[in-house]
Every structure is written in structure tokens, then in C-alpha cells.
Amino acid sequence: MKNDVKVRLALRGINKVMTSPGAVAEVARVANRRRAAAGPGHRVIVYPHKRTARAFIEQEDVKQARKDPGGKALLRVVSGE
């Protein structure tokens, strides 16, 4: 049996969904959960973008960066270790 299904994506609509307040809130929620798992000394930055919701987790200060060079705590959280 042959399936000739064609799908046309409406990129403007997808971008609206990906930048909606709900999507931004979900991205921020996941980022905050991962920040908490990484331990103290990290912060979340929600970064608006024209096509998608984004959030970054970074070390709060130089003291934290010296304590955890290379961001190993964050890498463990992201990789699931």
C-alpha cells in the first residue's frame, strides 16, 4: 500500500507556538529544574529569540567557575549522570 501523504509546515505558526508564553514558561521550568540539580552557584537566563524559546544555565560568578572548572556539574545534569 502506498502512502502519498504530503505535509506542509506553516513556519510562522510553528514560530508563534515556540515563542508563546506557555513554551517560554516550560523551557524556564525545565532549566530551573536542571539548575537545581546542578547545585548552588548557578543561575538561569531566559533568552527570548524570534523563532524559539531559550534558556541558559550558567555559573553565577568567578568563584563558582573556579570551584567547578569546565562546568562539570552542569554536564552531569545534562548527560543524566
PDB file of N, CA and C in Angstrom:
ATOM      1  N   MET A   1       0.845  -1.174   0.000  1.00  0.00           N
ATOM      2  CA  MET A   1       0.000   0.000   0.000  1.00  0.00           C
ATOM      3  C   MET A   1       0.893   1.240   0.000  1.00  0.00           C
ATOM      4  N   LYS A   2       0.579   2.169  -0.846  1.00  0.00           N
ATOM      5  CA  LYS A   2       1.392   3.373  -0.994  1.00  0.00           C
ATOM      6  C   LYS A   2       0.727   4.544  -0.277  1.00  0.00           C
ATOM      7  N   ASN A   3       1.530   5.257   0.504  1.00  0.00           N
ATOM      8  CA  ASN A   3       1.044   6.446   1.206  1.00  0.00           C
ATOM      9  C   ASN A   3       1.637   7.679   0.548  1.00  0.00           C
ATOM     10  N   ASP A   4       0.796   8.468  -0.067  1.00  0.00           N
ATOM     11  CA  ASP A   4       1.242   9.712  -0.691  1.00  0.00           C
ATOM     12  C   ASP A   4       0.772  10.899   0.153  1.00  0.00           C
ATOM     13  N   VAL A   5       1.206  10.918   1.377  1.00  0.00           N
ATOM     14  CA  VAL A   5       0.818  11.994   2.274  1.00  0.00           C
ATOM     15  C   VAL A   5       1.854  13.101   2.174  1.00  0.00           C
ATOM     16  N   LYS A   6       1.382  14.300   1.924  1.00  0.00           N
ATOM     17  CA  LYS A   6       2.276  15.450   1.878  1.00  0.00           C
ATOM     18  C   LYS A   6       1.941  16.354   3.053  1.00  0.00           C
ATOM     19  N   VAL A   7       2.973  16.838   3.678  1.00  0.00           N
ATOM     20  CA  VAL A   7       2.799  17.719   4.829  1.00  0.00           C
ATOM     21  C   VAL A   7       3.474  19.042   4.521  1.00  0.00           C
ATOM     22  N   ARG A   8       2.765  20.093   4.726  1.00  0.00           N
ATOM     23  CA  ARG A   8       3.335  21.420   4.538  1.00  0.00           C
ATOM     24  C   ARG A   8       3.310  22.113   5.896  1.00  0.00           C
ATOM     25  N   LEU A   9       4.478  22.478   6.369  1.00  0.00           N
ATOM     26  CA  LEU A   9       4.583  23.124   7.664  1.00  0.00           C
ATOM     27  C   LEU A   9       4.426  24.629   7.523  1.00  0.00           C
ATOM     28  N   ALA A  10       3.648  25.198   8.401  1.00  0.00           N
ATOM     29  CA  ALA A  10       3.477  26.650   8.432  1.00  0.00           C
ATOM     30  C   ALA A  10       4.487  27.191   9.439  1.00  0.00           C
ATOM     31  N   LEU A  11       5.637  27.621   8.950  1.00  0.00           N
ATOM     32  CA  LEU A  11       6.719  28.033   9.835  1.00  0.00           C
ATOM     33  C   LEU A  11       6.338  29.213  10.718  1.00  0.00           C
ATOM     34  N   ARG A  12       5.558  30.133  10.211  1.00  0.00           N
ATOM     35  CA  ARG A  12       5.125  31.260  11.056  1.00  0.00           C
ATOM     36  C   ARG A  12       4.302  30.764  12.239  1.00  0.00           C
ATOM     37  N   GLY A  13       3.440  29.810  11.981  1.00  0.00           N
ATOM     38  CA  GLY A  13       2.641  29.236  13.063  1.00  0.00           C
ATOM     39  C   GLY A  13       3.489  28.471  14.067  1.00  0.00           C
ATOM     40  N   ILE A  14       4.443  27.709  13.568  1.00  0.00           N
ATOM     41  CA  ILE A  14       5.348  26.971  14.456  1.00  0.00           C
ATOM     42  C   ILE A  14       6.144  27.952  15.308  1.00  0.00           C
ATOM     43  N   ASN A  15       6.629  29.034  14.700  1.00  0.00           N
ATOM     44  CA  ASN A  15       7.387  30.031  15.449  1.00  0.00           C
ATOM     45  C   ASN A  15       6.531  30.699  16.519  1.00  0.00           C
ATOM     46  N   LYS A  16       5.257  30.937  16.218  1.00  0.00           N
ATOM     47  CA  LYS A  16       4.355  31.521  17.218  1.00  0.00           C
ATOM     48  C   LYS A  16       4.184  30.583  18.402  1.00  0.00           C
ATOM     49  N   VAL A  17       4.042  29.304  18.119  1.00  0.00           N
ATOM     50  CA  VAL A  17       3.909  28.324  19.208  1.00  0.00           C
ATOM     51  C   VAL A  17       5.201  28.247  20.013  1.00  0.00           C
ATOM     52  N   MET A  18       6.338  28.217  19.325  1.00  0.00           N
ATOM     53  CA  MET A  18       7.631  28.067  20.008  1.00  0.00           C
ATOM     54  C   MET A  18       8.027  29.294  20.824  1.00  0.00           C
ATOM     55  N   THR A  19       7.436  30.460  20.539  1.00  0.00           N
ATOM     56  CA  THR A  19       7.739  31.666  21.303  1.00  0.00           C
ATOM     57  C   THR A  19       6.570  32.088  22.192  1.00  0.00           C
ATOM     58  N   SER A  20       5.554  31.265  22.290  1.00  0.00           N
ATOM     59  CA  SER A  20       4.385  31.597  23.104  1.00  0.00           C
ATOM     60  C   SER A  20       4.760  31.623  24.586  1.00  0.00           C
ATOM     61  N   PRO A  21       3.982  32.329  25.397  1.00  0.00           N
ATOM     62  CA  PRO A  21       4.267  32.370  26.834  1.00  0.00           C
ATOM     63  C   PRO A  21       4.311  30.974  27.471  1.00  0.00           C
ATOM     64  N   GLY A  22       3.478  30.071  27.006  1.00  0.00           N
ATOM     65  CA  GLY A  22       3.480  28.713  27.543  1.00  0.00           C
ATOM     66  C   GLY A  22       4.775  27.974  27.246  1.00  0.00           C
ATOM     67  N   ALA A  23       5.277  28.136  26.018  1.00  0.00           N
ATOM     68  CA  ALA A  23       6.542  27.485  25.646  1.00  0.00           C
ATOM     69  C   ALA A  23       7.699  28.078  26.432  1.00  0.00           C
ATOM     70  N   VAL A  24       7.711  29.403  26.581  1.00  0.00           N
ATOM     71  CA  VAL A  24       8.766  30.061  27.352  1.00  0.00           C
ATOM     72  C   VAL A  24       8.722  29.593  28.807  1.00  0.00           C
ATOM     73  N   ALA A  25       7.522  29.489  29.371  1.00  0.00           N
ATOM     74  CA  ALA A  25       7.383  29.033  30.756  1.00  0.00           C
ATOM     75  C   ALA A  25       7.877  27.596  30.921  1.00  0.00           C
ATOM     76  N   GLU A  26       7.581  26.736  29.969  1.00  0.00           N
ATOM     77  CA  GLU A  26       8.028  25.336  30.054  1.00  0.00           C
ATOM     78  C   GLU A  26       9.542  25.239  29.945  1.00  0.00           C
ATOM     79  N   VAL A  27      10.137  25.993  29.035  1.00  0.00           N
ATOM     80  CA  VAL A  27      11.596  25.992  28.895  1.00  0.00           C
ATOM     81  C   VAL A  27      12.244  26.499  30.186  1.00  0.00           C
ATOM     82  N   ALA A  28      11.685  27.557  30.759  1.00  0.00           N
ATOM     83  CA  ALA A  28      12.220  28.102  32.014  1.00  0.00           C
ATOM     84  C   ALA A  28      12.062  27.092  33.152  1.00  0.00           C
ATOM     85  N   ARG A  29      10.944  26.371  33.183  1.00  0.00           N
ATOM     86  CA  ARG A  29      10.711  25.377  34.239  1.00  0.00           C
ATOM     87  C   ARG A  29      11.745  24.257  34.165  1.00  0.00           C
ATOM     88  N   VAL A  30      11.996  23.749  32.974  1.00  0.00           N
ATOM     89  CA  VAL A  30      12.982  22.681  32.795  1.00  0.00           C
ATOM     90  C   VAL A  30      14.385  23.185  33.142  1.00  0.00           C
ATOM     91  N   ALA A  31      14.704  24.395  32.719  1.00  0.00           N
ATOM     92  CA  ALA A  31      16.018  24.963  33.025  1.00  0.00           C
ATOM     93  C   ALA A  31      16.198  25.141  34.526  1.00  0.00           C
ATOM     94  N   ASN A  32      15.176  25.589  35.223  1.00  0.00           N
ATOM     95  CA  ASN A  32      15.272  25.752  36.681  1.00  0.00           C
ATOM     96  C   ASN A  32      15.413  24.418  37.390  1.00  0.00           C
ATOM     97  N   ARG A  33      14.750  23.387  36.884  1.00  0.00           N
ATOM     98  CA  ARG A  33      14.894  22.056  37.481  1.00  0.00           C
ATOM     99  C   ARG A  33      16.325  21.554  37.310  1.00  0.00           C
ATOM    100  N   ARG A  34      16.904  21.766  36.138  1.00  0.00           N
ATOM    101  CA  ARG A  34      18.283  21.340  35.903  1.00  0.00           C
ATOM    102  C   ARG A  34      19.273  22.183  36.702  1.00  0.00           C
ATOM    103  N   ARG A  35      18.980  23.468  36.874  1.00  0.00           N
ATOM    104  CA  ARG A  35      19.842  24.321  37.690  1.00  0.00           C
ATOM    105  C   ARG A  35      19.852  23.824  39.130  1.00  0.00           C
ATOM    106  N   ALA A  36      18.692  23.461  39.635  1.00  0.00           N
ATOM    107  CA  ALA A  36      18.613  22.942  40.999  1.00  0.00           C
ATOM    108  C   ALA A  36      19.388  21.633  41.131  1.00  0.00           C
ATOM    109  N   ALA A  37      19.331  20.791  40.108  1.00  0.00           N
ATOM    110  CA  ALA A  37      20.063  19.522  40.140  1.00  0.00           C
ATOM    111  C   ALA A  37      21.571  19.740  40.073  1.00  0.00           C
ATOM    112  N   ALA A  38      22.002  20.827  39.450  1.00  0.00           N
ATOM    113  CA  ALA A  38      23.440  21.119  39.342  1.00  0.00           C
ATOM    114  C   ALA A  38      24.010  21.619  40.662  1.00  0.00           C
ATOM    115  N   GLY A  39      23.158  22.110  41.549  1.00  0.00           N
ATOM    116  CA  GLY A  39      23.628  22.588  42.842  1.00  0.00           C
ATOM    117  C   GLY A  39      23.724  24.101  42.895  1.00  0.00           C
ATOM    118  N   PRO A  40      24.107  24.618  44.053  1.00  0.00           N
ATOM    119  CA  PRO A  40      24.189  26.073  44.210  1.00  0.00           C
ATOM    120  C   PRO A  40      25.284  26.676  43.339  1.00  0.00           C
ATOM    121  N   GLY A  41      25.151  27.962  43.092  1.00  0.00           N
ATOM    122  CA  GLY A  41      26.161  28.657  42.313  1.00  0.00           C
ATOM    123  C   GLY A  41      25.858  28.758  40.831  1.00  0.00           C
ATOM    124  N   HIS A  42      24.630  28.425  40.451  1.00  0.00           N
ATOM    125  CA  HIS A  42      24.225  28.511  39.052  1.00  0.00           C
ATOM    126  C   HIS A  42      22.981  29.378  38.937  1.00  0.00           C
ATOM    127  N   ARG A  43      22.776  29.971  37.766  1.00  0.00           N
ATOM    128  CA  ARG A  43      21.584  30.776  37.526  1.00  0.00           C
ATOM    129  C   ARG A  43      21.034  30.472  36.141  1.00  0.00           C
ATOM    130  N   VAL A  44      19.754  30.770  35.986  1.00  0.00           N
ATOM    131  CA  VAL A  44      19.061  30.551  34.713  1.00  0.00           C
ATOM    132  C   VAL A  44      18.833  31.906  34.058  1.00  0.00           C
ATOM    133  N   ILE A  45      19.104  31.966  32.775  1.00  0.00           N
ATOM    134  CA  ILE A  45      18.809  33.150  31.983  1.00  0.00           C
ATOM    135  C   ILE A  45      17.860  32.726  30.876  1.00  0.00           C
ATOM    136  N   VAL A  46      16.664  33.295  30.881  1.00  0.00           N
ATOM    137  CA  VAL A  46      15.695  33.033  29.829  1.00  0.00           C
ATOM    138  C   VAL A  46      15.966  34.066  28.737  1.00  0.00           C
ATOM    139  N   TYR A  47      16.262  33.571  27.560  1.00  0.00           N
ATOM    140  CA  TYR A  47      16.715  34.417  26.470  1.00  0.00           C
ATOM    141  C   TYR A  47      15.691  34.384  25.348  1.00  0.00           C
ATOM    142  N   PRO A  48      14.930  35.469  25.166  1.00  0.00           N
ATOM    143  CA  PRO A  48      13.946  35.465  24.083  1.00  0.00           C
ATOM    144  C   PRO A  48      14.625  35.495  22.711  1.00  0.00           C
ATOM    145  N   HIS A  49      14.054  34.780  21.792  1.00  0.00           N
ATOM    146  CA  HIS A  49      14.575  34.711  20.439  1.00  0.00           C
ATOM    147  C   HIS A  49      13.372  34.791  19.504  1.00  0.00           C
ATOM    148  N   LYS A  50      13.570  35.234  18.281  1.00  0.00           N
ATOM    149  CA  LYS A  50      12.423  35.425  17.394  1.00  0.00           C
ATOM    150  C   LYS A  50      11.804  34.122  16.901  1.00  0.00           C
ATOM    151  N   ARG A  51      12.504  33.004  17.009  1.00  0.00           N
ATOM    152  CA  ARG A  51      11.964  31.745  16.497  1.00  0.00           C
ATOM    153  C   ARG A  51      11.681  30.679  17.547  1.00  0.00           C
ATOM    154  N   THR A  52      12.275  30.778  18.715  1.00  0.00           N
ATOM    155  CA  THR A  52      12.098  29.723  19.708  1.00  0.00           C
ATOM    156  C   THR A  52      12.355  30.254  21.114  1.00  0.00           C
ATOM    157  N   ALA A  53      11.848  29.546  22.104  1.00  0.00           N
ATOM    158  CA  ALA A  53      12.117  29.891  23.496  1.00  0.00           C
ATOM    159  C   ALA A  53      13.466  29.288  23.881  1.00  0.00           C
ATOM    160  N   ARG A  54      14.269  30.046  24.604  1.00  0.00           N
ATOM    161  CA  ARG A  54      15.594  29.570  25.003  1.00  0.00           C
ATOM    162  C   ARG A  54      15.862  29.919  26.454  1.00  0.00           C
ATOM    163  N   ALA A  55      16.635  29.077  27.085  1.00  0.00           N
ATOM    164  CA  ALA A  55      17.104  29.364  28.444  1.00  0.00           C
ATOM    165  C   ALA A  55      18.506  28.792  28.576  1.00  0.00           C
ATOM    166  N   PHE A  56      19.333  29.483  29.320  1.00  0.00           N
ATOM    167  CA  PHE A  56      20.705  29.061  29.548  1.00  0.00           C
ATOM    168  C   PHE A  56      20.941  28.934  31.043  1.00  0.00           C
ATOM    169  N   ILE A  57      21.787  27.999  31.404  1.00  0.00           N
ATOM    170  CA  ILE A  57      22.219  27.853  32.794  1.00  0.00           C
ATOM    171  C   ILE A  57      23.709  28.167  32.815  1.00  0.00           C
ATOM    172  N   GLU A  58      24.092  29.058  33.696  1.00  0.00           N
ATOM    173  CA  GLU A  58      25.496  29.420  33.777  1.00  0.00           C
ATOM    174  C   GLU A  58      25.925  29.543  35.229  1.00  0.00           C
ATOM    175  N   GLN A  59      27.214  29.547  35.437  1.00  0.00           N
ATOM    176  CA  GLN A  59      27.748  29.732  36.775  1.00  0.00           C
ATOM    177  C   GLN A  59      27.552  31.181  37.177  1.00  0.00           C
ATOM    178  N   GLU A  60      27.254  31.398  38.463  1.00  0.00           N
ATOM    179  CA  GLU A  60      26.914  32.743  38.920  1.00  0.00           C
ATOM    180  C   GLU A  60      28.093  33.698  38.931  1.00  0.00           C
ATOM    181  N   ASP A  61      29.256  33.216  39.284  1.00  0.00           N
ATOM    182  CA  ASP A  61      30.377  34.135  39.430  1.00  0.00           C
ATOM    183  C   ASP A  61      31.705  33.414  39.223  1.00  0.00           C
ATOM    184  N   VAL A  62      32.774  34.161  39.304  1.00  0.00           N
ATOM    185  CA  VAL A  62      34.114  33.618  39.095  1.00  0.00           C
ATOM    186  C   VAL A  62      34.456  32.590  40.168  1.00  0.00           C
ATOM    187  N   LYS A  63      34.013  32.838  41.387  1.00  0.00           N
ATOM    188  CA  LYS A  63      34.281  31.897  42.493  1.00  0.00           C
ATOM    189  C   LYS A  63      33.712  30.514  42.162  1.00  0.00           C
ATOM    190  N   GLN A  64      32.492  30.481  41.649  1.00  0.00           N
ATOM    191  CA  GLN A  64      31.869  29.216  41.270  1.00  0.00           C
ATOM    192  C   GLN A  64      32.609  28.592  40.096  1.00  0.00           C
ATOM    193  N   ALA A  65      33.047  29.399  39.150  1.00  0.00           N
ATOM    194  CA  ALA A  65      33.767  28.881  37.989  1.00  0.00           C
ATOM    195  C   ALA A  65      35.084  28.237  38.405  1.00  0.00           C
ATOM    196  N   ARG A  66      35.740  28.805  39.395  1.00  0.00           N
ATOM    197  CA  ARG A  66      36.986  28.198  39.891  1.00  0.00           C
ATOM    198  C   ARG A  66      36.715  26.903  40.641  1.00  0.00           C
ATOM    199  N   LYS A  67      35.575  26.862  41.323  1.00  0.00           N
ATOM    200  CA  LYS A  67      35.215  25.662  42.083  1.00  0.00           C
ATOM    201  C   LYS A  67      34.842  24.504  41.151  1.00  0.00           C
ATOM    202  N   ASP A  68      34.272  24.834  40.005  1.00  0.00           N
ATOM    203  CA  ASP A  68      33.813  23.815  39.058  1.00  0.00           C
ATOM    204  C   ASP A  68      34.306  24.154  37.651  1.00  0.00           C
ATOM    205  N   PRO A  69      35.606  24.000  37.409  1.00  0.00           N
ATOM    206  CA  PRO A  69      36.127  24.359  36.082  1.00  0.00           C
ATOM    207  C   PRO A  69      35.538  23.460  34.993  1.00  0.00           C
ATOM    208  N   GLY A  70      35.174  24.084  33.893  1.00  0.00           N
ATOM    209  CA  GLY A  70      34.606  23.316  32.788  1.00  0.00           C
ATOM    210  C   GLY A  70      33.133  23.027  32.944  1.00  0.00           C
ATOM    211  N   GLY A  71      32.513  23.480  34.036  1.00  0.00           N
ATOM    212  CA  GLY A  71      31.078  23.272  34.231  1.00  0.00           C
ATOM    213  C   GLY A  71      30.697  21.812  34.346  1.00  0.00           C
ATOM    214  N   LYS A  72      31.505  21.029  35.053  1.00  0.00           N
ATOM    215  CA  LYS A  72      31.244  19.586  35.147  1.00  0.00           C
ATOM    216  C   LYS A  72      29.889  19.266  35.800  1.00  0.00           C
ATOM    217  N   ALA A  73      29.484  20.087  36.760  1.00  0.00           N
ATOM    218  CA  ALA A  73      28.183  19.848  37.411  1.00  0.00           C
ATOM    219  C   ALA A  73      27.053  19.966  36.388  1.00  0.00           C
ATOM    220  N   LEU A  74      27.120  20.958  35.537  1.00  0.00           N
ATOM    221  CA  LEU A  74      26.097  21.112  34.504  1.00  0.00           C
ATOM    222  C   LEU A  74      26.144  19.987  33.479  1.00  0.00           C
ATOM    223  N   LEU A  75      27.332  19.578  33.122  1.00  0.00           N
ATOM    224  CA  LEU A  75      27.466  18.471  32.164  1.00  0.00           C
ATOM    225  C   LEU A  75      26.862  17.182  32.724  1.00  0.00           C
ATOM    226  N   ARG A  76      27.051  16.934  34.026  1.00  0.00           N
ATOM    227  CA  ARG A  76      26.469  15.737  34.648  1.00  0.00           C
ATOM    228  C   ARG A  76      24.958  15.796  34.598  1.00  0.00           C
ATOM    229  N   VAL A  77      24.386  16.964  34.844  1.00  0.00           N
ATOM    230  CA  VAL A  77      22.938  17.114  34.831  1.00  0.00           C
ATOM    231  C   VAL A  77      22.390  16.883  33.424  1.00  0.00           C
ATOM    232  N   VAL A  78      23.011  17.478  32.440  1.00  0.00           N
ATOM    233  CA  VAL A  78      22.525  17.360  31.066  1.00  0.00           C
ATOM    234  C   VAL A  78      22.682  15.943  30.536  1.00  0.00           C
ATOM    235  N   SER A  79      23.797  15.296  30.870  1.00  0.00           N
ATOM    236  CA  SER A  79      24.029  13.948  30.371  1.00  0.00           C
ATOM    237  C   SER A  79      23.285  12.884  31.159  1.00  0.00           C
ATOM    238  N   GLY A  80      22.681  13.274  32.304  1.00  0.00           N
ATOM    239  CA  GLY A  80      21.886  12.337  33.083  1.00  0.00           C
ATOM    240  C   GLY A  80      22.666  11.475  34.043  1.00  0.00           C
ATOM    241  N   GLU A  81      23.892  11.841  34.332  1.00  0.00           N
ATOM    242  CA  GLU A  81      24.701  11.041  35.270  1.00  0.00           C
ATOM    243  C   GLU A  81      24.375  11.384  36.708  1.00  0.00           C
TER     244      GLU A  81
END
